Amino acid sequence: MKVAEYRRTVNSASGAYNEETFNNVGGLLKYLLVRAATSNTSFQTTLTDHKSVVRKRYGFVTGELIDESMSIPITGAYTIGIVNGSQDDTFTIVFGVQE
């Protein structure tokens, strides 16, 4: 089993940021982490595929989102959207794919 991990640190502006992942050749999305540097920052997260279809939409969380219970078949690049942030912040994004 091979695992590919995409990891970035990004800065939101006006409470939002979109980050495109690497081009996945195919596999199962197993892990998503979006963590704000400030523990009291609230935000929502969206996961959109390469055809602009929102595959997963998360409700408001404060501080961090961790989803390690998924097993979504994926291919192509995905966009991880941080939206409706309560403030501008620095975020760590980790996207794990089992190939």
PDB file of N, CA and C in Angstrom:
ATOM      1  N   MET A   1       0.844  -1.172   0.000  1.00  0.00           N
ATOM      2  CA  MET A   1       0.000   0.000   0.000  1.00  0.00           C
ATOM      3  C   MET A   1       0.892   1.238   0.000  1.00  0.00           C
ATOM      4  N   LYS A   2       0.629   2.143  -0.932  1.00  0.00           N
ATOM      5  CA  LYS A   2       1.379   3.393  -1.038  1.00  0.00           C
ATOM      6  C   LYS A   2       0.455   4.534  -0.603  1.00  0.00           C
ATOM      7  N   VAL A   3       0.987   5.451   0.182  1.00  0.00           N
ATOM      8  CA  VAL A   3       0.220   6.604   0.645  1.00  0.00           C
ATOM      9  C   VAL A   3       0.901   7.877   0.152  1.00  0.00           C
ATOM     10  N   ALA A   4       0.125   8.736  -0.496  1.00  0.00           N
ATOM     11  CA  ALA A   4       0.627  10.037  -0.937  1.00  0.00           C
ATOM     12  C   ALA A   4       0.025  11.089  -0.027  1.00  0.00           C
ATOM     13  N   GLU A   5       0.868  12.000   0.455  1.00  0.00           N
ATOM     14  CA  GLU A   5       0.393  13.040   1.362  1.00  0.00           C
ATOM     15  C   GLU A   5       0.725  14.405   0.780  1.00  0.00           C
ATOM     16  N   TYR A   6      -0.281  15.246   0.745  1.00  0.00           N
ATOM     17  CA  TYR A   6      -0.136  16.627   0.307  1.00  0.00           C
ATOM     18  C   TYR A   6      -0.201  17.489   1.552  1.00  0.00           C
ATOM     19  N   ARG A   7       0.785  18.365   1.739  1.00  0.00           N
ATOM     20  CA  ARG A   7       0.849  19.186   2.952  1.00  0.00           C
ATOM     21  C   ARG A   7       1.251  20.611   2.573  1.00  0.00           C
ATOM     22  N   ARG A   8       0.456  21.575   3.069  1.00  0.00           N
ATOM     23  CA  ARG A   8       0.742  22.988   2.811  1.00  0.00           C
ATOM     24  C   ARG A   8       0.377  23.835   4.022  1.00  0.00           C
ATOM     25  N   THR A   9       1.058  24.968   4.148  1.00  0.00           N
ATOM     26  CA  THR A   9       0.692  26.006   5.110  1.00  0.00           C
ATOM     27  C   THR A   9       0.303  27.222   4.285  1.00  0.00           C
ATOM     28  N   VAL A  10      -0.905  27.745   4.528  1.00  0.00           N
ATOM     29  CA  VAL A  10      -1.448  28.825   3.708  1.00  0.00           C
ATOM     30  C   VAL A  10      -2.020  29.926   4.596  1.00  0.00           C
ATOM     31  N   ASN A  11      -2.197  31.100   4.015  1.00  0.00           N
ATOM     32  CA  ASN A  11      -2.784  32.230   4.737  1.00  0.00           C
ATOM     33  C   ASN A  11      -4.092  32.631   4.078  1.00  0.00           C
ATOM     34  N   SER A  12      -5.160  32.709   4.872  1.00  0.00           N
ATOM     35  CA  SER A  12      -6.451  33.133   4.334  1.00  0.00           C
ATOM     36  C   SER A  12      -6.523  34.652   4.287  1.00  0.00           C
ATOM     37  N   ALA A  13      -7.358  35.150   3.377  1.00  0.00           N
ATOM     38  CA  ALA A  13      -7.628  36.583   3.266  1.00  0.00           C
ATOM     39  C   ALA A  13      -9.133  36.759   3.185  1.00  0.00           C
ATOM     40  N   SER A  14      -9.664  37.666   3.958  1.00  0.00           N
ATOM     41  CA  SER A  14     -11.115  37.873   4.043  1.00  0.00           C
ATOM     42  C   SER A  14     -11.825  36.580   4.442  1.00  0.00           C
ATOM     43  N   GLY A  15     -11.167  35.769   5.266  1.00  0.00           N
ATOM     44  CA  GLY A  15     -11.768  34.545   5.796  1.00  0.00           C
ATOM     45  C   GLY A  15     -11.875  33.408   4.811  1.00  0.00           C
ATOM     46  N   ALA A  16     -11.127  33.455   3.696  1.00  0.00           N
ATOM     47  CA  ALA A  16     -11.247  32.400   2.683  1.00  0.00           C
ATOM     48  C   ALA A  16      -9.900  32.091   2.036  1.00  0.00           C
ATOM     49  N   TYR A  17      -9.791  30.861   1.513  1.00  0.00           N
ATOM     50  CA  TYR A  17      -8.606  30.443   0.764  1.00  0.00           C
ATOM     51  C   TYR A  17      -8.950  29.165   0.012  1.00  0.00           C
ATOM     52  N   ASN A  18      -8.437  29.007  -1.204  1.00  0.00           N
ATOM     53  CA  ASN A  18      -8.579  27.775  -1.975  1.00  0.00           C
ATOM     54  C   ASN A  18      -7.197  27.245  -2.307  1.00  0.00           C
ATOM     55  N   GLU A  19      -7.003  25.964  -2.080  1.00  0.00           N
ATOM     56  CA  GLU A  19      -5.722  25.318  -2.349  1.00  0.00           C
ATOM     57  C   GLU A  19      -5.954  24.100  -3.224  1.00  0.00           C
ATOM     58  N   GLU A  20      -5.251  24.030  -4.364  1.00  0.00           N
ATOM     59  CA  GLU A  20      -5.368  22.881  -5.250  1.00  0.00           C
ATOM     60  C   GLU A  20      -4.293  21.863  -4.929  1.00  0.00           C
ATOM     61  N   THR A  21      -4.681  20.594  -4.824  1.00  0.00           N
ATOM     62  CA  THR A  21      -3.742  19.525  -4.492  1.00  0.00           C
ATOM     63  C   THR A  21      -2.984  19.072  -5.736  1.00  0.00           C
ATOM     64  N   PHE A  22      -2.094  18.109  -5.554  1.00  0.00           N
ATOM     65  CA  PHE A  22      -1.408  17.490  -6.674  1.00  0.00           C
ATOM     66  C   PHE A  22      -2.423  16.728  -7.525  1.00  0.00           C
ATOM     67  N   ASN A  23      -2.034  16.364  -8.728  1.00  0.00           N
ATOM     68  CA  ASN A  23      -2.898  15.609  -9.634  1.00  0.00           C
ATOM     69  C   ASN A  23      -2.864  14.136  -9.223  1.00  0.00           C
ATOM     70  N   ASN A  24      -3.944  13.654  -8.627  1.00  0.00           N
ATOM     71  CA  ASN A  24      -4.014  12.269  -8.153  1.00  0.00           C
ATOM     72  C   ASN A  24      -4.246  11.329  -9.328  1.00  0.00           C
ATOM     73  N   VAL A  25      -3.433  10.276  -9.430  1.00  0.00           N
ATOM     74  CA  VAL A  25      -3.596   9.315 -10.521  1.00  0.00           C
ATOM     75  C   VAL A  25      -4.717   8.334 -10.235  1.00  0.00           C
ATOM     76  N   GLY A  26      -5.219   8.342  -9.039  1.00  0.00           N
ATOM     77  CA  GLY A  26      -6.299   7.446  -8.629  1.00  0.00           C
ATOM     78  C   GLY A  26      -5.977   6.866  -7.272  1.00  0.00           C
ATOM     79  N   GLY A  27      -6.990   6.730  -6.459  1.00  0.00           N
ATOM     80  CA  GLY A  27      -6.803   6.179  -5.126  1.00  0.00           C
ATOM     81  C   GLY A  27      -7.992   6.500  -4.244  1.00  0.00           C
ATOM     82  N   LEU A  28      -7.804   6.318  -2.953  1.00  0.00           N
ATOM     83  CA  LEU A  28      -8.848   6.583  -1.972  1.00  0.00           C
ATOM     84  C   LEU A  28      -8.399   7.700  -1.047  1.00  0.00           C
ATOM     85  N   LEU A  29      -9.206   8.744  -0.969  1.00  0.00           N
ATOM     86  CA  LEU A  29      -8.938   9.811  -0.018  1.00  0.00           C
ATOM     87  C   LEU A  29      -9.260   9.278   1.367  1.00  0.00           C
ATOM     88  N   LYS A  30      -8.258   9.262   2.234  1.00  0.00           N
ATOM     89  CA  LYS A  30      -8.408   8.662   3.558  1.00  0.00           C
ATOM     90  C   LYS A  30      -8.316   9.656   4.701  1.00  0.00           C
ATOM     91  N   TYR A  31      -7.754  10.852   4.457  1.00  0.00           N
ATOM     92  CA  TYR A  31      -7.467  11.747   5.573  1.00  0.00           C
ATOM     93  C   TYR A  31      -7.480  13.190   5.101  1.00  0.00           C
ATOM     94  N   LEU A  32      -8.129  14.043   5.870  1.00  0.00           N
ATOM     95  CA  LEU A  32      -8.092  15.478   5.619  1.00  0.00           C
ATOM     96  C   LEU A  32      -7.962  16.200   6.949  1.00  0.00           C
ATOM     97  N   LEU A  33      -6.968  17.074   7.033  1.00  0.00           N
ATOM     98  CA  LEU A  33      -6.757  17.923   8.195  1.00  0.00           C
ATOM     99  C   LEU A  33      -6.670  19.365   7.714  1.00  0.00           C
ATOM    100  N   VAL A  34      -7.456  20.230   8.336  1.00  0.00           N
ATOM    101  CA  VAL A  34      -7.350  21.669   8.124  1.00  0.00           C
ATOM    102  C   VAL A  34      -7.286  22.281   9.518  1.00  0.00           C
ATOM    103  N   ARG A  35      -6.143  22.880   9.850  1.00  0.00           N
ATOM    104  CA  ARG A  35      -5.927  23.393  11.208  1.00  0.00           C
ATOM    105  C   ARG A  35      -5.540  24.871  11.147  1.00  0.00           C
ATOM    106  N   ALA A  36      -6.304  25.684  11.890  1.00  0.00           N
ATOM    107  CA  ALA A  36      -5.986  27.108  12.001  1.00  0.00           C
ATOM    108  C   ALA A  36      -4.890  27.291  13.042  1.00  0.00           C
ATOM    109  N   ALA A  37      -4.023  28.270  12.824  1.00  0.00           N
ATOM    110  CA  ALA A  37      -2.958  28.548  13.784  1.00  0.00           C
ATOM    111  C   ALA A  37      -3.529  29.105  15.087  1.00  0.00           C
ATOM    112  N   THR A  38      -4.675  29.767  14.999  1.00  0.00           N
ATOM    113  CA  THR A  38      -5.339  30.336  16.170  1.00  0.00           C
ATOM    114  C   THR A  38      -6.496  29.422  16.553  1.00  0.00           C
ATOM    115  N   SER A  39      -6.515  28.938  17.769  1.00  0.00           N
ATOM    116  CA  SER A  39      -7.494  27.924  18.180  1.00  0.00           C
ATOM    117  C   SER A  39      -8.932  28.416  18.209  1.00  0.00           C
ATOM    118  N   ASN A  40      -9.159  29.732  18.205  1.00  0.00           N
ATOM    119  CA  ASN A  40     -10.542  30.216  18.257  1.00  0.00           C
ATOM    120  C   ASN A  40     -11.064  30.663  16.889  1.00  0.00           C
ATOM    121  N   THR A  41     -10.355  30.356  15.798  1.00  0.00           N
ATOM    122  CA  THR A  41     -10.827  30.676  14.453  1.00  0.00           C
ATOM    123  C   THR A  41     -11.862  29.642  14.022  1.00  0.00           C
ATOM    124  N   SER A  42     -13.051  30.103  13.648  1.00  0.00           N
ATOM    125  CA  SER A  42     -14.106  29.230  13.119  1.00  0.00           C
ATOM    126  C   SER A  42     -14.096  29.331  11.602  1.00  0.00           C
ATOM    127  N   PHE A  43     -14.376  28.206  10.934  1.00  0.00           N
ATOM    128  CA  PHE A  43     -14.375  28.185   9.465  1.00  0.00           C
ATOM    129  C   PHE A  43     -15.137  26.967   8.970  1.00  0.00           C
ATOM    130  N   GLN A  44     -15.452  26.976   7.680  1.00  0.00           N
ATOM    131  CA  GLN A  44     -16.024  25.822   6.999  1.00  0.00           C
ATOM    132  C   GLN A  44     -15.024  25.361   5.943  1.00  0.00           C
ATOM    133  N   THR A  45     -15.160  24.109   5.521  1.00  0.00           N
ATOM    134  CA  THR A  45     -14.261  23.549   4.520  1.00  0.00           C
ATOM    135  C   THR A  45     -15.080  22.855   3.445  1.00  0.00           C
ATOM    136  N   THR A  46     -14.636  23.002   2.187  1.00  0.00           N
ATOM    137  CA  THR A  46     -15.240  22.276   1.074  1.00  0.00           C
ATOM    138  C   THR A  46     -14.158  21.497   0.346  1.00  0.00           C
ATOM    139  N   LEU A  47     -14.561  20.398  -0.258  1.00  0.00           N
ATOM    140  CA  LEU A  47     -13.665  19.547  -1.033  1.00  0.00           C
ATOM    141  C   LEU A  47     -14.294  19.399  -2.414  1.00  0.00           C
ATOM    142  N   THR A  48     -13.600  19.933  -3.443  1.00  0.00           N
ATOM    143  CA  THR A  48     -14.158  19.993  -4.794  1.00  0.00           C
ATOM    144  C   THR A  48     -13.252  19.235  -5.753  1.00  0.00           C
ATOM    145  N   ASP A  49     -13.858  18.412  -6.631  1.00  0.00           N
ATOM    146  CA  ASP A  49     -13.047  17.621  -7.558  1.00  0.00           C
ATOM    147  C   ASP A  49     -12.626  18.437  -8.783  1.00  0.00           C
ATOM    148  N   HIS A  50     -11.862  17.796  -9.672  1.00  0.00           N
ATOM    149  CA  HIS A  50     -11.300  18.485 -10.844  1.00  0.00           C
ATOM    150  C   HIS A  50     -12.354  18.883 -11.875  1.00  0.00           C
ATOM    151  N   LYS A  51     -13.586  18.424 -11.704  1.00  0.00           N
ATOM    152  CA  LYS A  51     -14.685  18.814 -12.595  1.00  0.00           C
ATOM    153  C   LYS A  51     -15.596  19.849 -11.934  1.00  0.00           C
ATOM    154  N   SER A  52     -15.114  20.463 -10.854  1.00  0.00           N
ATOM    155  CA  SER A  52     -15.830  21.515 -10.111  1.00  0.00           C
ATOM    156  C   SER A  52     -17.085  21.029  -9.396  1.00  0.00           C
ATOM    157  N   VAL A  53     -17.129  19.747  -9.065  1.00  0.00           N
ATOM    158  CA  VAL A  53     -18.236  19.190  -8.290  1.00  0.00           C
ATOM    159  C   VAL A  53     -17.820  19.152  -6.818  1.00  0.00           C
ATOM    160  N   VAL A  54     -18.613  19.781  -5.955  1.00  0.00           N
ATOM    161  CA  VAL A  54     -18.325  19.738  -4.518  1.00  0.00           C
ATOM    162  C   VAL A  54     -18.609  18.319  -4.042  1.00  0.00           C
ATOM    163  N   ARG A  55     -17.565  17.626  -3.609  1.00  0.00           N
ATOM    164  CA  ARG A  55     -17.698  16.230  -3.173  1.00  0.00           C
ATOM    165  C   ARG A  55     -18.018  16.112  -1.697  1.00  0.00           C
ATOM    166  N   LYS A  56     -17.584  17.105  -0.911  1.00  0.00           N
ATOM    167  CA  LYS A  56     -17.849  17.070   0.525  1.00  0.00           C
ATOM    168  C   LYS A  56     -17.855  18.496   1.038  1.00  0.00           C
ATOM    169  N   ARG A  57     -18.827  18.792   1.901  1.00  0.00           N
ATOM    170  CA  ARG A  57     -18.956  20.111   2.508  1.00  0.00           C
ATOM    171  C   ARG A  57     -19.053  19.905   4.013  1.00  0.00           C
ATOM    172  N   TYR A  58     -18.161  20.532   4.742  1.00  0.00           N
ATOM    173  CA  TYR A  58     -18.126  20.408   6.194  1.00  0.00           C
ATOM    174  C   TYR A  58     -18.763  21.638   6.828  1.00  0.00           C
ATOM    175  N   GLY A  59     -19.456  21.446   7.916  1.00  0.00           N
ATOM    176  CA  GLY A  59     -20.037  22.551   8.665  1.00  0.00           C
ATOM    177  C   GLY A  59     -18.964  23.327   9.411  1.00  0.00           C
ATOM    178  N   PHE A  60     -19.400  24.310  10.192  1.00  0.00           N
ATOM    179  CA  PHE A  60     -18.452  25.125  10.945  1.00  0.00           C
ATOM    180  C   PHE A  60     -17.704  24.298  11.981  1.00  0.00           C
ATOM    181  N   VAL A  61     -16.409  24.519  12.062  1.00  0.00           N
ATOM    182  CA  VAL A  61     -15.564  23.957  13.118  1.00  0.00           C
ATOM    183  C   VAL A  61     -14.750  25.110  13.694  1.00  0.00           C
ATOM    184  N   THR A  62     -14.240  24.929  14.888  1.00  0.00           N
ATOM    185  CA  THR A  62     -13.383  25.929  15.511  1.00  0.00           C
ATOM    186  C   THR A  62     -12.022  25.294  15.778  1.00  0.00           C
ATOM    187  N   GLY A  63     -10.987  25.923  15.247  1.00  0.00           N
ATOM    188  CA  GLY A  63      -9.627  25.441  15.490  1.00  0.00           C
ATOM    189  C   GLY A  63      -9.122  24.471  14.452  1.00  0.00           C
ATOM    190  N   GLU A  64      -9.787  23.306  14.302  1.00  0.00           N
ATOM    191  CA  GLU A  64      -9.316  22.336  13.318  1.00  0.00           C
ATOM    192  C   GLU A  64     -10.410  21.384  12.876  1.00  0.00           C
ATOM    193  N   LEU A  65     -10.242  20.908  11.654  1.00  0.00           N
ATOM    194  CA  LEU A  65     -11.090  19.864  11.081  1.00  0.00           C
ATOM    195  C   LEU A  65     -10.199  18.660  10.854  1.00  0.00           C
ATOM    196  N   ILE A  66     -10.599  17.517  11.378  1.00  0.00           N
ATOM    197  CA  ILE A  66      -9.901  16.260  11.108  1.00  0.00           C
ATOM    198  C   ILE A  66     -10.951  15.256  10.656  1.00  0.00           C
ATOM    199  N   ASP A  67     -10.775  14.715   9.443  1.00  0.00           N
ATOM    200  CA  ASP A  67     -11.667  13.676   8.942  1.00  0.00           C
ATOM    201  C   ASP A  67     -10.795  12.504   8.522  1.00  0.00           C
ATOM    202  N   GLU A  68     -10.802  11.463   9.329  1.00  0.00           N
ATOM    203  CA  GLU A  68     -10.031  10.257   9.017  1.00  0.00           C
ATOM    204  C   GLU A  68     -10.938   9.048   8.873  1.00  0.00           C
ATOM    205  N   SER A  69     -12.240   9.311   8.686  1.00  0.00           N
ATOM    206  CA  SER A  69     -13.212   8.223   8.565  1.00  0.00           C
ATOM    207  C   SER A  69     -13.689   8.035   7.133  1.00  0.00           C
ATOM    208  N   MET A  70     -13.123   8.768   6.184  1.00  0.00           N
ATOM    209  CA  MET A  70     -13.610   8.686   4.813  1.00  0.00           C
ATOM    210  C   MET A  70     -12.816   7.703   3.974  1.00  0.00           C
ATOM    211  N   SER A  71     -13.421   7.314   2.878  1.00  0.00           N
ATOM    212  CA  SER A  71     -12.788   6.453   1.890  1.00  0.00           C
ATOM    213  C   SER A  71     -13.432   6.789   0.545  1.00  0.00           C
ATOM    214  N   ILE A  72     -13.032   7.939  -0.014  1.00  0.00           N
ATOM    215  CA  ILE A  72     -13.647   8.465  -1.225  1.00  0.00           C
ATOM    216  C   ILE A  72     -12.735   8.172  -2.422  1.00  0.00           C
ATOM    217  N   PRO A  73     -13.241   7.478  -3.455  1.00  0.00           N
ATOM    218  CA  PRO A  73     -12.436   7.277  -4.661  1.00  0.00           C
ATOM    219  C   PRO A  73     -12.179   8.623  -5.334  1.00  0.00           C
ATOM    220  N   ILE A  74     -10.925   8.891  -5.688  1.00  0.00           N
ATOM    221  CA  ILE A  74     -10.591  10.175  -6.307  1.00  0.00           C
ATOM    222  C   ILE A  74      -9.629   9.977  -7.466  1.00  0.00           C
ATOM    223  N   THR A  75      -9.649  10.951  -8.363  1.00  0.00           N
ATOM    224  CA  THR A  75      -8.684  11.066  -9.449  1.00  0.00           C
ATOM    225  C   THR A  75      -8.601  12.533  -9.824  1.00  0.00           C
ATOM    226  N   GLY A  76      -7.463  12.982 -10.304  1.00  0.00           N
ATOM    227  CA  GLY A  76      -7.284  14.382 -10.667  1.00  0.00           C
ATOM    228  C   GLY A  76      -6.970  15.244  -9.460  1.00  0.00           C
ATOM    229  N   ALA A  77      -6.834  16.537  -9.705  1.00  0.00           N
ATOM    230  CA  ALA A  77      -6.544  17.496  -8.636  1.00  0.00           C
ATOM    231  C   ALA A  77      -7.836  17.870  -7.907  1.00  0.00           C
ATOM    232  N   TYR A  78      -7.723  18.094  -6.614  1.00  0.00           N
ATOM    233  CA  TYR A  78      -8.858  18.519  -5.791  1.00  0.00           C
ATOM    234  C   TYR A  78      -8.569  19.898  -5.225  1.00  0.00           C
ATOM    235  N   THR A  79      -9.638  20.661  -4.985  1.00  0.00           N
ATOM    236  CA  THR A  79      -9.498  21.966  -4.359  1.00  0.00           C
ATOM    237  C   THR A  79     -10.060  21.892  -2.950  1.00  0.00           C
ATOM    238  N   ILE A  80      -9.246  22.285  -1.994  1.00  0.00           N
ATOM    239  CA  ILE A  80      -9.669  22.353  -0.597  1.00  0.00           C
ATOM    240  C   ILE A  80      -9.969  23.815  -0.323  1.00  0.00           C
ATOM    241  N   GLY A  81     -11.225  24.096  -0.023  1.00  0.00           N
ATOM    242  CA  GLY A  81     -11.643  25.466   0.214  1.00  0.00           C
ATOM    243  C   GLY A  81     -11.854  25.743   1.691  1.00  0.00           C
ATOM    244  N   ILE A  82     -11.279  26.817   2.161  1.00  0.00           N
ATOM    245  CA  ILE A  82     -11.528  27.307   3.521  1.00  0.00           C
ATOM    246  C   ILE A  82     -12.432  28.521   3.337  1.00  0.00           C
ATOM    247  N   VAL A  83     -13.636  28.472   3.889  1.00  0.00           N
ATOM    248  CA  VAL A  83     -14.624  29.524   3.642  1.00  0.00           C
ATOM    249  C   VAL A  83     -15.257  30.001   4.941  1.00  0.00           C
ATOM    250  N   ASN A  84     -15.819  31.199   4.888  1.00  0.00           N
ATOM    251  CA  ASN A  84     -16.550  31.771   6.017  1.00  0.00           C
ATOM    252  C   ASN A  84     -15.722  31.809   7.300  1.00  0.00           C
ATOM    253  N   GLY A  85     -14.433  32.077   7.170  1.00  0.00           N
ATOM    254  CA  GLY A  85     -13.571  32.160   8.350  1.00  0.00           C
ATOM    255  C   GLY A  85     -13.912  33.364   9.211  1.00  0.00           C
ATOM    256  N   SER A  86     -13.847  33.171  10.507  1.00  0.00           N
ATOM    257  CA  SER A  86     -14.170  34.254  11.439  1.00  0.00           C
ATOM    258  C   SER A  86     -13.090  35.335  11.457  1.00  0.00           C
ATOM    259  N   GLN A  87     -11.901  34.989  10.966  1.00  0.00           N
ATOM    260  CA  GLN A  87     -10.799  35.948  10.880  1.00  0.00           C
ATOM    261  C   GLN A  87      -9.766  35.404   9.909  1.00  0.00           C
ATOM    262  N   ASP A  88      -8.886  36.272   9.429  1.00  0.00           N
ATOM    263  CA  ASP A  88      -7.771  35.810   8.608  1.00  0.00           C
ATOM    264  C   ASP A  88      -6.809  35.052   9.512  1.00  0.00           C
ATOM    265  N   ASP A  89      -6.245  33.968   8.996  1.00  0.00           N
ATOM    266  CA  ASP A  89      -5.394  33.116   9.822  1.00  0.00           C
ATOM    267  C   ASP A  89      -4.451  32.336   8.922  1.00  0.00           C
ATOM    268  N   THR A  90      -3.506  31.654   9.531  1.00  0.00           N
ATOM    269  CA  THR A  90      -2.620  30.717   8.853  1.00  0.00           C
ATOM    270  C   THR A  90      -3.170  29.319   9.096  1.00  0.00           C
ATOM    271  N   PHE A  91      -3.281  28.525   8.020  1.00  0.00           N
ATOM    272  CA  PHE A  91      -3.851  27.190   8.108  1.00  0.00           C
ATOM    273  C   PHE A  91      -2.848  26.149   7.630  1.00  0.00           C
ATOM    274  N   THR A  92      -2.849  25.003   8.289  1.00  0.00           N
ATOM    275  CA  THR A  92      -2.112  23.833   7.834  1.00  0.00           C
ATOM    276  C   THR A  92      -3.117  22.896   7.187  1.00  0.00           C
ATOM    277  N   ILE A  93      -2.814  22.432   5.980  1.00  0.00           N
ATOM    278  CA  ILE A  93      -3.675  21.505   5.258  1.00  0.00           C
ATOM    279  C   ILE A  93      -2.891  20.224   5.006  1.00  0.00           C
ATOM    280  N   VAL A  94      -3.488  19.081   5.346  1.00  0.00           N
ATOM    281  CA  VAL A  94      -2.897  17.771   5.042  1.00  0.00           C
ATOM    282  C   VAL A  94      -3.997  16.937   4.382  1.00  0.00           C
ATOM    283  N   PHE A  95      -3.665  16.350   3.228  1.00  0.00           N
ATOM    284  CA  PHE A  95      -4.584  15.611   2.369  1.00  0.00           C
ATOM    285  C   PHE A  95      -3.921  14.269   2.089  1.00  0.00           C
ATOM    286  N   GLY A  96      -4.455  13.155   2.590  1.00  0.00           N
ATOM    287  CA  GLY A  96      -3.819  11.857   2.454  1.00  0.00           C
ATOM    288  C   GLY A  96      -4.576  10.920   1.536  1.00  0.00           C
ATOM    289  N   VAL A  97      -3.878  10.362   0.531  1.00  0.00           N
ATOM    290  CA  VAL A  97      -4.489   9.475  -0.456  1.00  0.00           C
ATOM    291  C   VAL A  97      -3.784   8.123  -0.438  1.00  0.00           C
ATOM    292  N   GLN A  98      -4.570   7.056  -0.338  1.00  0.00           N
ATOM    293  CA  GLN A  98      -4.038   5.697  -0.444  1.00  0.00           C
ATOM    294  C   GLN A  98      -4.094   5.311  -1.913  1.00  0.00           C
ATOM    295  N   GLU A  99      -2.934   5.038  -2.496  1.00  0.00           N
ATOM    296  CA  GLU A  99      -2.884   4.701  -3.931  1.00  0.00           C
ATOM    297  C   GLU A  99      -2.921   3.219  -4.151  1.00  0.00           C
TER     298      GLU A  99
END
